[in-house]
């Protein structure tokens, strides 16, 4: 996890503004998938069989964790395998096949250095018990904005047990978070294991999850009850069926699939898309 300091809660306009934005028509899963294609700059395009495979992995993980399919919801799944390093956003609706909204490269735990952990496996709940915060955007001692640009949302998943990837190994407690990373120095490395154990995602995906409250079920429920959820953005238009679960798996692949290119290739594609769009 990056050592840079961050602000726990960023002041936001009054809750009335949040309620006004929340009253707008929520995007459907198909709408969100199109927005993902339009706005998330670093994307992966797994074929249909792979999309279904990872969707089934998400369903199986929730079932093993004893989480019933109480309602249709969004979930995020990360494959920490070194040859994949990807996040998949799904819409899960009972009776229907998992719908892949979009996929992007990530970075998970890298070994060899002190205080680096293997990103833990399992189903992790995103809840107000471990409040999110927003990045200050300041440089750490190494000149890196560990949580990304100022204002980026840091999704906090609490203290978790994880394998140490230094010294004699063993298990210790780490703070599991999902967040953006330094846009100039580190985002181009997404798609490879680089972090201290947290999950680094593209800034454009961070903004999409934040703007539409895709994993904010608990935060939205608390806000509806009148609690001051200052971390929620004033311009948020929450999806219907917002979820609260992040799933981490390891598919054990020995080779990198063609749809998950090596680091740098996805960033180059994103740069080309940005130039073309102008």
C-alpha atoms as a PDB file:
ATOM      1  CA  UNK A   1       0.000   0.000   0.000  1.00  0.00           C
ATOM      2  CA  UNK A   2       1.322   3.444  -0.852  1.00  0.00           C
ATOM      3  CA  UNK A   3       2.713   5.312   2.133  1.00  0.00           C
ATOM      4  CA  UNK A   4       1.479   8.738   1.086  1.00  0.00           C
ATOM      5  CA  UNK A   5      -0.942  10.445   3.428  1.00  0.00           C
ATOM      6  CA  UNK A   6      -4.568  10.913   2.384  1.00  0.00           C
ATOM      7  CA  UNK A   7      -7.671  12.704   3.506  1.00  0.00           C
ATOM      8  CA  UNK A   8     -10.370  10.514   5.035  1.00  0.00           C
ATOM      9  CA  UNK A   9     -13.310  12.660   4.000  1.00  0.00           C
ATOM     10  CA  UNK A  10     -13.415  15.350   1.330  1.00  0.00           C
ATOM     11  CA  UNK A  11     -15.877  18.137   2.018  1.00  0.00           C
ATOM     12  CA  UNK A  12     -18.850  17.980  -0.367  1.00  0.00           C
ATOM     13  CA  UNK A  13     -21.905  20.160  -0.948  1.00  0.00           C
ATOM     14  CA  UNK A  14     -24.980  19.585   1.128  1.00  0.00           C
ATOM     15  CA  UNK A  15     -26.772  16.259   1.009  1.00  0.00           C
ATOM     16  CA  UNK A  16     -29.580  17.931  -0.916  1.00  0.00           C
ATOM     17  CA  UNK A  17     -27.316  18.158  -3.963  1.00  0.00           C
ATOM     18  CA  UNK A  18     -26.437  14.490  -3.656  1.00  0.00           C
ATOM     19  CA  UNK A  19     -30.118  13.588  -3.432  1.00  0.00           C
ATOM     20  CA  UNK A  20     -30.873  15.667  -6.529  1.00  0.00           C
ATOM     21  CA  UNK A  21     -28.243  13.827  -8.549  1.00  0.00           C
ATOM     22  CA  UNK A  22     -29.352  10.481  -7.159  1.00  0.00           C
ATOM     23  CA  UNK A  23     -32.885  11.219  -8.384  1.00  0.00           C
ATOM     24  CA  UNK A  24     -31.738  11.140 -12.031  1.00  0.00           C
ATOM     25  CA  UNK A  25     -32.616   8.037 -14.008  1.00  0.00           C
ATOM     26  CA  UNK A  26     -30.006   5.397 -13.147  1.00  0.00           C
ATOM     27  CA  UNK A  27     -28.110   3.833 -16.046  1.00  0.00           C
ATOM     28  CA  UNK A  28     -29.002   0.255 -16.955  1.00  0.00           C
ATOM     29  CA  UNK A  29     -26.298  -2.455 -17.091  1.00  0.00           C
ATOM     30  CA  UNK A  30     -26.217  -2.027 -20.878  1.00  0.00           C
ATOM     31  CA  UNK A  31     -25.857   1.740 -20.453  1.00  0.00           C
ATOM     32  CA  UNK A  32     -23.029   1.267 -17.977  1.00  0.00           C
ATOM     33  CA  UNK A  33     -21.283  -1.151 -20.342  1.00  0.00           C
ATOM     34  CA  UNK A  34     -21.436   1.454 -23.099  1.00  0.00           C
ATOM     35  CA  UNK A  35     -20.153   4.140 -20.734  1.00  0.00           C
ATOM     36  CA  UNK A  36     -17.308   1.810 -19.784  1.00  0.00           C
ATOM     37  CA  UNK A  37     -16.370   1.487 -23.452  1.00  0.00           C
ATOM     38  CA  UNK A  38     -16.622   5.238 -23.966  1.00  0.00           C
ATOM     39  CA  UNK A  39     -14.899   6.514 -20.831  1.00  0.00           C
ATOM     40  CA  UNK A  40     -12.511   3.892 -19.443  1.00  0.00           C
ATOM     41  CA  UNK A  41      -9.286   4.426 -21.326  1.00  0.00           C
ATOM     42  CA  UNK A  42      -7.456   1.230 -20.366  1.00  0.00           C
ATOM     43  CA  UNK A  43      -9.697  -1.678 -21.317  1.00  0.00           C
ATOM     44  CA  UNK A  44      -9.403  -5.383 -21.980  1.00  0.00           C
ATOM     45  CA  UNK A  45     -11.650  -7.307 -24.355  1.00  0.00           C
ATOM     46  CA  UNK A  46     -11.841 -10.933 -23.231  1.00  0.00           C
ATOM     47  CA  UNK A  47     -13.731 -13.249 -25.616  1.00  0.00           C
ATOM     48  CA  UNK A  48     -17.201 -14.491 -24.713  1.00  0.00           C
ATOM     49  CA  UNK A  49     -16.013 -17.791 -23.246  1.00  0.00           C
ATOM     50  CA  UNK A  50     -13.548 -16.018 -20.957  1.00  0.00           C
ATOM     51  CA  UNK A  51     -16.159 -13.465 -19.913  1.00  0.00           C
ATOM     52  CA  UNK A  52     -18.509 -16.301 -18.952  1.00  0.00           C
ATOM     53  CA  UNK A  53     -15.716 -18.186 -17.168  1.00  0.00           C
ATOM     54  CA  UNK A  54     -14.886 -15.277 -14.896  1.00  0.00           C
ATOM     55  CA  UNK A  55     -18.560 -14.566 -14.297  1.00  0.00           C
ATOM     56  CA  UNK A  56     -19.047 -18.136 -13.106  1.00  0.00           C
ATOM     57  CA  UNK A  57     -16.004 -17.742 -10.845  1.00  0.00           C
ATOM     58  CA  UNK A  58     -17.694 -14.714  -9.290  1.00  0.00           C
ATOM     59  CA  UNK A  59     -20.918 -16.629  -8.664  1.00  0.00           C
ATOM     60  CA  UNK A  60     -19.031 -19.575  -7.175  1.00  0.00           C
ATOM     61  CA  UNK A  61     -16.992 -17.321  -4.889  1.00  0.00           C
ATOM     62  CA  UNK A  62     -20.125 -15.641  -3.543  1.00  0.00           C
ATOM     63  CA  UNK A  63     -21.736 -19.025  -2.955  1.00  0.00           C
ATOM     64  CA  UNK A  64     -18.680 -20.345  -1.070  1.00  0.00           C
ATOM     65  CA  UNK A  65     -18.730 -17.206   1.068  1.00  0.00           C
ATOM     66  CA  UNK A  66     -22.342 -17.899   2.009  1.00  0.00           C
ATOM     67  CA  UNK A  67     -23.651 -14.788   0.265  1.00  0.00           C
ATOM     68  CA  UNK A  68     -27.099 -15.555  -1.171  1.00  0.00           C
ATOM     69  CA  UNK A  69     -28.162 -14.030  -4.496  1.00  0.00           C
ATOM     70  CA  UNK A  70     -30.656 -11.799  -2.694  1.00  0.00           C
ATOM     71  CA  UNK A  71     -30.997  -9.331  -5.551  1.00  0.00           C
ATOM     72  CA  UNK A  72     -29.424  -8.350  -8.830  1.00  0.00           C
ATOM     73  CA  UNK A  73     -26.178  -6.518  -8.193  1.00  0.00           C
ATOM     74  CA  UNK A  74     -22.824  -5.425  -9.549  1.00  0.00           C
ATOM     75  CA  UNK A  75     -19.637  -7.120  -8.379  1.00  0.00           C
ATOM     76  CA  UNK A  76     -15.977  -6.646  -9.231  1.00  0.00           C
ATOM     77  CA  UNK A  77     -13.651  -9.612  -9.661  1.00  0.00           C
ATOM     78  CA  UNK A  78      -9.843  -9.449  -9.823  1.00  0.00           C
ATOM     79  CA  UNK A  79      -7.595 -12.187 -11.156  1.00  0.00           C
ATOM     80  CA  UNK A  80      -4.304 -11.680  -9.334  1.00  0.00           C
ATOM     81  CA  UNK A  81      -2.520 -14.285 -11.471  1.00  0.00           C
ATOM     82  CA  UNK A  82       0.741 -12.726 -12.749  1.00  0.00           C
ATOM     83  CA  UNK A  83      -0.197 -13.631 -16.313  1.00  0.00           C
ATOM     84  CA  UNK A  84      -3.587 -11.909 -16.105  1.00  0.00           C
ATOM     85  CA  UNK A  85      -3.647  -9.006 -13.605  1.00  0.00           C
ATOM     86  CA  UNK A  86      -7.132  -7.871 -14.569  1.00  0.00           C
ATOM     87  CA  UNK A  87     -10.378  -6.621 -13.052  1.00  0.00           C
ATOM     88  CA  UNK A  88     -13.803  -7.601 -14.383  1.00  0.00           C
ATOM     89  CA  UNK A  89     -16.984  -5.714 -13.577  1.00  0.00           C
ATOM     90  CA  UNK A  90     -20.154  -7.843 -13.705  1.00  0.00           C
ATOM     91  CA  UNK A  91     -23.889  -7.459 -13.451  1.00  0.00           C
ATOM     92  CA  UNK A  92     -25.273 -10.546 -11.703  1.00  0.00           C
ATOM     93  CA  UNK A  93     -28.986 -11.202 -12.021  1.00  0.00           C
ATOM     94  CA  UNK A  94     -30.526 -14.443 -10.781  1.00  0.00           C
ATOM     95  CA  UNK A  95     -31.672 -16.622 -13.666  1.00  0.00           C
ATOM     96  CA  UNK A  96     -29.443 -14.890 -16.223  1.00  0.00           C
ATOM     97  CA  UNK A  97     -25.866 -15.441 -17.293  1.00  0.00           C
ATOM     98  CA  UNK A  98     -23.356 -13.011 -15.743  1.00  0.00           C
ATOM     99  CA  UNK A  99     -23.083  -9.862 -17.853  1.00  0.00           C
ATOM    100  CA  UNK A 100     -19.583  -8.474 -18.280  1.00  0.00           C
ATOM    101  CA  UNK A 101     -19.780  -4.692 -18.071  1.00  0.00           C
ATOM    102  CA  UNK A 102     -16.095  -4.167 -18.730  1.00  0.00           C
ATOM    103  CA  UNK A 103     -12.556  -5.293 -17.926  1.00  0.00           C
ATOM    104  CA  UNK A 104      -9.261  -3.480 -17.354  1.00  0.00           C
ATOM    105  CA  UNK A 105      -5.675  -4.207 -16.315  1.00  0.00           C
ATOM    106  CA  UNK A 106      -4.671  -3.906 -12.660  1.00  0.00           C
ATOM    107  CA  UNK A 107      -1.615  -4.311 -10.478  1.00  0.00           C
ATOM    108  CA  UNK A 108      -1.637  -6.521  -7.393  1.00  0.00           C
ATOM    109  CA  UNK A 109       0.996  -7.506  -4.829  1.00  0.00           C
ATOM    110  CA  UNK A 110       4.613  -7.869  -5.934  1.00  0.00           C
ATOM    111  CA  UNK A 111       7.207  -9.784  -3.949  1.00  0.00           C
ATOM    112  CA  UNK A 112      10.805  -9.107  -3.084  1.00  0.00           C
ATOM    113  CA  UNK A 113      10.629  -5.892  -1.078  1.00  0.00           C
ATOM    114  CA  UNK A 114       9.895  -5.227   2.580  1.00  0.00           C
ATOM    115  CA  UNK A 115       6.248  -4.761   3.513  1.00  0.00           C
ATOM    116  CA  UNK A 116       4.946  -6.259   0.256  1.00  0.00           C
ATOM    117  CA  UNK A 117       2.080  -8.740   0.477  1.00  0.00           C
ATOM    118  CA  UNK A 118       0.382 -11.155  -1.861  1.00  0.00           C
ATOM    119  CA  UNK A 119      -3.055  -9.716  -2.560  1.00  0.00           C
ATOM    120  CA  UNK A 120      -5.367 -11.980  -0.515  1.00  0.00           C
ATOM    121  CA  UNK A 121      -7.946 -14.248  -2.109  1.00  0.00           C
ATOM    122  CA  UNK A 122     -11.610 -14.191  -1.172  1.00  0.00           C
ATOM    123  CA  UNK A 123     -14.759 -12.088  -1.132  1.00  0.00           C
ATOM    124  CA  UNK A 124     -14.347  -8.669   0.487  1.00  0.00           C
ATOM    125  CA  UNK A 125     -17.164  -6.383   1.513  1.00  0.00           C
ATOM    126  CA  UNK A 126     -17.014  -2.692   0.676  1.00  0.00           C
ATOM    127  CA  UNK A 127     -18.846  -1.057   3.573  1.00  0.00           C
ATOM    128  CA  UNK A 128     -18.925   2.038   5.745  1.00  0.00           C
ATOM    129  CA  UNK A 129     -17.285  -0.010   8.514  1.00  0.00           C
ATOM    130  CA  UNK A 130     -14.024   0.824   6.720  1.00  0.00           C
ATOM    131  CA  UNK A 131     -14.605   4.354   5.399  1.00  0.00           C
ATOM    132  CA  UNK A 132     -13.295   5.290   1.983  1.00  0.00           C
ATOM    133  CA  UNK A 133     -11.283   8.447   1.517  1.00  0.00           C
ATOM    134  CA  UNK A 134      -9.857  10.554  -1.279  1.00  0.00           C
ATOM    135  CA  UNK A 135      -6.286  11.031  -2.400  1.00  0.00           C
ATOM    136  CA  UNK A 136      -4.488  14.246  -1.586  1.00  0.00           C
ATOM    137  CA  UNK A 137      -2.444  13.922  -4.772  1.00  0.00           C
ATOM    138  CA  UNK A 138       0.793  14.807  -2.979  1.00  0.00           C
ATOM    139  CA  UNK A 139       4.154  13.208  -3.741  1.00  0.00           C
ATOM    140  CA  UNK A 140       5.669  10.676  -1.374  1.00  0.00           C
ATOM    141  CA  UNK A 141       9.382  10.423  -0.556  1.00  0.00           C
ATOM    142  CA  UNK A 142      10.006   8.714  -3.904  1.00  0.00           C
ATOM    143  CA  UNK A 143       8.224  11.406  -5.911  1.00  0.00           C
ATOM    144  CA  UNK A 144       5.173   9.223  -6.553  1.00  0.00           C
ATOM    145  CA  UNK A 145       1.498   9.950  -6.055  1.00  0.00           C
ATOM    146  CA  UNK A 146       0.716   6.570  -4.579  1.00  0.00           C
ATOM    147  CA  UNK A 147      -3.061   6.964  -4.611  1.00  0.00           C
ATOM    148  CA  UNK A 148      -3.153   8.848  -7.906  1.00  0.00           C
ATOM    149  CA  UNK A 149      -4.275  12.384  -8.678  1.00  0.00           C
ATOM    150  CA  UNK A 150      -5.969  14.559  -6.097  1.00  0.00           C
ATOM    151  CA  UNK A 151      -9.564  13.546  -5.427  1.00  0.00           C
ATOM    152  CA  UNK A 152      -9.278   9.946  -6.591  1.00  0.00           C
ATOM    153  CA  UNK A 153     -11.486   7.616  -4.535  1.00  0.00           C
ATOM    154  CA  UNK A 154      -9.730   5.040  -2.367  1.00  0.00           C
ATOM    155  CA  UNK A 155     -11.997   2.037  -1.848  1.00  0.00           C
ATOM    156  CA  UNK A 156     -11.153   0.647   1.596  1.00  0.00           C
ATOM    157  CA  UNK A 157     -11.790  -3.035   2.261  1.00  0.00           C
ATOM    158  CA  UNK A 158     -10.393  -3.193   5.768  1.00  0.00           C
ATOM    159  CA  UNK A 159      -7.677  -5.180   7.505  1.00  0.00           C
ATOM    160  CA  UNK A 160      -7.043  -8.591   5.955  1.00  0.00           C
ATOM    161  CA  UNK A 161      -4.694 -11.496   6.507  1.00  0.00           C
ATOM    162  CA  UNK A 162      -2.192 -11.877   3.675  1.00  0.00           C
ATOM    163  CA  UNK A 163       1.007 -13.714   2.815  1.00  0.00           C
ATOM    164  CA  UNK A 164       4.214 -11.740   3.291  1.00  0.00           C
ATOM    165  CA  UNK A 165       6.320 -11.620   0.133  1.00  0.00           C
ATOM    166  CA  UNK A 166       9.578 -10.729   1.866  1.00  0.00           C
ATOM    167  CA  UNK A 167      11.892 -12.271   4.420  1.00  0.00           C
ATOM    168  CA  UNK A 168      10.781 -15.686   5.652  1.00  0.00           C
ATOM    169  CA  UNK A 169       7.213 -15.288   4.456  1.00  0.00           C
ATOM    170  CA  UNK A 170       4.313 -16.185   6.706  1.00  0.00           C
ATOM    171  CA  UNK A 171       1.060 -14.358   7.276  1.00  0.00           C
ATOM    172  CA  UNK A 172       0.448 -10.830   8.560  1.00  0.00           C
ATOM    173  CA  UNK A 173      -2.274  -8.220   8.538  1.00  0.00           C
ATOM    174  CA  UNK A 174      -2.455  -5.661   5.734  1.00  0.00           C
ATOM    175  CA  UNK A 175      -4.924  -2.942   4.780  1.00  0.00           C
ATOM    176  CA  UNK A 176      -6.605  -3.990   1.548  1.00  0.00           C
ATOM    177  CA  UNK A 177      -7.572  -1.091  -0.713  1.00  0.00           C
ATOM    178  CA  UNK A 178      -8.452  -0.555  -4.356  1.00  0.00           C
ATOM    179  CA  UNK A 179      -7.276   2.746  -5.809  1.00  0.00           C
ATOM    180  CA  UNK A 180      -5.778   4.636  -8.727  1.00  0.00           C
ATOM    181  CA  UNK A 181      -2.027   5.100  -9.057  1.00  0.00           C
ATOM    182  CA  UNK A 182       0.462   7.684 -10.263  1.00  0.00           C
ATOM    183  CA  UNK A 183      -0.845   8.640 -13.724  1.00  0.00           C
ATOM    184  CA  UNK A 184       2.557   9.515 -15.187  1.00  0.00           C
ATOM    185  CA  UNK A 185       4.864   6.974 -13.593  1.00  0.00           C
ATOM    186  CA  UNK A 186       2.867   3.872 -12.716  1.00  0.00           C
ATOM    187  CA  UNK A 187      -0.408   3.637 -14.630  1.00  0.00           C
ATOM    188  CA  UNK A 188       1.400   2.345 -17.719  1.00  0.00           C
ATOM    189  CA  UNK A 189       2.568  -0.629 -15.616  1.00  0.00           C
ATOM    190  CA  UNK A 190      -0.942  -1.849 -14.935  1.00  0.00           C
ATOM    191  CA  UNK A 191      -1.235  -5.432 -16.094  1.00  0.00           C
ATOM    192  CA  UNK A 192       1.748  -6.510 -13.965  1.00  0.00           C
ATOM    193  CA  UNK A 193       2.212  -7.162 -10.250  1.00  0.00           C
ATOM    194  CA  UNK A 194       3.544  -3.892  -8.815  1.00  0.00           C
ATOM    195  CA  UNK A 195       1.780  -3.024  -5.565  1.00  0.00           C
ATOM    196  CA  UNK A 196       2.363  -3.687  -1.882  1.00  0.00           C
ATOM    197  CA  UNK A 197      -0.753  -5.857  -1.877  1.00  0.00           C
ATOM    198  CA  UNK A 198      -3.490  -3.399  -2.772  1.00  0.00           C
ATOM    199  CA  UNK A 199      -5.280  -3.359  -6.121  1.00  0.00           C
ATOM    200  CA  UNK A 200      -4.290  -0.540  -8.455  1.00  0.00           C
ATOM    201  CA  UNK A 201      -6.799   0.343 -11.169  1.00  0.00           C
ATOM    202  CA  UNK A 202      -6.901   2.864 -14.035  1.00  0.00           C
ATOM    203  CA  UNK A 203      -7.931   6.378 -13.015  1.00  0.00           C
ATOM    204  CA  UNK A 204     -10.732   6.378 -15.592  1.00  0.00           C
ATOM    205  CA  UNK A 205     -12.195   3.203 -14.052  1.00  0.00           C
ATOM    206  CA  UNK A 206     -11.865   4.751 -10.591  1.00  0.00           C
ATOM    207  CA  UNK A 207     -13.933   7.701 -11.806  1.00  0.00           C
ATOM    208  CA  UNK A 208     -16.596   5.439 -13.332  1.00  0.00           C
ATOM    209  CA  UNK A 209     -17.023   3.368 -10.149  1.00  0.00           C
ATOM    210  CA  UNK A 210     -17.175   6.578  -8.118  1.00  0.00           C
ATOM    211  CA  UNK A 211     -19.550   8.528 -10.354  1.00  0.00           C
ATOM    212  CA  UNK A 212     -22.094   5.715 -10.648  1.00  0.00           C
ATOM    213  CA  UNK A 213     -21.720   4.253  -7.149  1.00  0.00           C
ATOM    214  CA  UNK A 214     -21.243   0.815  -8.665  1.00  0.00           C
ATOM    215  CA  UNK A 215     -19.943  -0.751  -5.427  1.00  0.00           C
ATOM    216  CA  UNK A 216     -21.568   1.745  -3.056  1.00  0.00           C
ATOM    217  CA  UNK A 217     -24.595  -0.200  -1.832  1.00  0.00           C
ATOM    218  CA  UNK A 218     -23.752   0.276   1.837  1.00  0.00           C
ATOM    219  CA  UNK A 219     -22.816   3.947   1.382  1.00  0.00           C
ATOM    220  CA  UNK A 220     -26.011   4.677  -0.534  1.00  0.00           C
ATOM    221  CA  UNK A 221     -28.125   2.946   2.114  1.00  0.00           C
ATOM    222  CA  UNK A 222     -26.458   5.011   4.837  1.00  0.00           C
ATOM    223  CA  UNK A 223     -26.971   8.234   2.875  1.00  0.00           C
ATOM    224  CA  UNK A 224     -30.658   7.369   2.362  1.00  0.00           C
ATOM    225  CA  UNK A 225     -30.954   7.090   6.141  1.00  0.00           C
ATOM    226  CA  UNK A 226     -29.586  10.606   6.510  1.00  0.00           C
ATOM    227  CA  UNK A 227     -26.005   9.803   7.492  1.00  0.00           C
ATOM    228  CA  UNK A 228     -23.440  12.267   6.064  1.00  0.00           C
ATOM    229  CA  UNK A 229     -21.555  10.204   3.487  1.00  0.00           C
ATOM    230  CA  UNK A 230     -19.151  12.998   2.545  1.00  0.00           C
ATOM    231  CA  UNK A 231     -17.009  10.726   0.395  1.00  0.00           C
ATOM    232  CA  UNK A 232     -19.814  10.309  -2.152  1.00  0.00           C
ATOM    233  CA  UNK A 233     -19.370  12.747  -5.059  1.00  0.00           C
ATOM    234  CA  UNK A 234     -21.978  15.495  -5.455  1.00  0.00           C
ATOM    235  CA  UNK A 235     -22.487  14.586  -9.135  1.00  0.00           C
ATOM    236  CA  UNK A 236     -23.045  10.896  -8.456  1.00  0.00           C
ATOM    237  CA  UNK A 237     -25.792   9.168 -10.448  1.00  0.00           C
ATOM    238  CA  UNK A 238     -26.008   5.779  -8.716  1.00  0.00           C
ATOM    239  CA  UNK A 239     -26.841   2.674 -10.678  1.00  0.00           C
ATOM    240  CA  UNK A 240     -29.768   0.543  -9.642  1.00  0.00           C
ATOM    241  CA  UNK A 241     -28.456  -2.618  -8.022  1.00  0.00           C
ATOM    242  CA  UNK A 242     -25.246  -1.114  -6.677  1.00  0.00           C
ATOM    243  CA  UNK A 243     -23.126  -3.856  -5.131  1.00  0.00           C
ATOM    244  CA  UNK A 244     -20.714  -4.164  -2.244  1.00  0.00           C
ATOM    245  CA  UNK A 245     -18.403  -7.063  -3.051  1.00  0.00           C
ATOM    246  CA  UNK A 246     -14.892  -7.283  -4.468  1.00  0.00           C
ATOM    247  CA  UNK A 247     -13.737 -10.804  -5.285  1.00  0.00           C
ATOM    248  CA  UNK A 248     -10.092 -11.822  -5.728  1.00  0.00           C
ATOM    249  CA  UNK A 249      -9.209 -15.095  -7.458  1.00  0.00           C
ATOM    250  CA  UNK A 250      -6.111 -16.691  -8.955  1.00  0.00           C
ATOM    251  CA  UNK A 251      -6.721 -18.777 -12.064  1.00  0.00           C
ATOM    252  CA  UNK A 252      -3.223 -20.277 -11.981  1.00  0.00           C
ATOM    253  CA  UNK A 253      -2.508 -19.556 -15.630  1.00  0.00           C
ATOM    254  CA  UNK A 254       0.996 -20.384 -16.838  1.00  0.00           C
ATOM    255  CA  UNK A 255       0.802 -18.228 -19.952  1.00  0.00           C
ATOM    256  CA  UNK A 256      -0.555 -14.763 -20.632  1.00  0.00           C
ATOM    257  CA  UNK A 257      -3.773 -14.849 -22.686  1.00  0.00           C
ATOM    258  CA  UNK A 258      -3.854 -12.805 -25.859  1.00  0.00           C
ATOM    259  CA  UNK A 259      -6.648 -10.568 -24.534  1.00  0.00           C
ATOM    260  CA  UNK A 260      -4.490  -9.474 -21.572  1.00  0.00           C
ATOM    261  CA  UNK A 261      -1.422  -7.911 -23.211  1.00  0.00           C
ATOM    262  CA  UNK A 262       1.806  -7.157 -21.413  1.00  0.00           C
ATOM    263  CA  UNK A 263       2.092  -3.861 -19.502  1.00  0.00           C
ATOM    264  CA  UNK A 264       2.513  -0.871 -21.740  1.00  0.00           C
ATOM    265  CA  UNK A 265       0.506  -2.316 -24.622  1.00  0.00           C
ATOM    266  CA  UNK A 266      -2.823  -1.450 -23.019  1.00  0.00           C
ATOM    267  CA  UNK A 267      -1.582   2.022 -22.112  1.00  0.00           C
ATOM    268  CA  UNK A 268      -0.441   2.548 -25.715  1.00  0.00           C
ATOM    269  CA  UNK A 269      -3.866   1.506 -26.973  1.00  0.00           C
ATOM    270  CA  UNK A 270      -5.495   3.936 -24.544  1.00  0.00           C
ATOM    271  CA  UNK A 271      -3.270   6.770 -25.779  1.00  0.00           C
ATOM    272  CA  UNK A 272      -4.200   5.949 -29.374  1.00  0.00           C
ATOM    273  CA  UNK A 273      -7.903   5.947 -28.506  1.00  0.00           C
ATOM    274  CA  UNK A 274      -7.521   9.336 -26.786  1.00  0.00           C
ATOM    275  CA  UNK A 275      -5.761  10.875 -29.777  1.00  0.00           C
ATOM    276  CA  UNK A 276      -8.368   9.457 -32.157  1.00  0.00           C
ATOM    277  CA  UNK A 277     -11.214  10.824 -30.053  1.00  0.00           C
ATOM    278  CA  UNK A 278      -9.876  14.394 -30.212  1.00  0.00           C
END
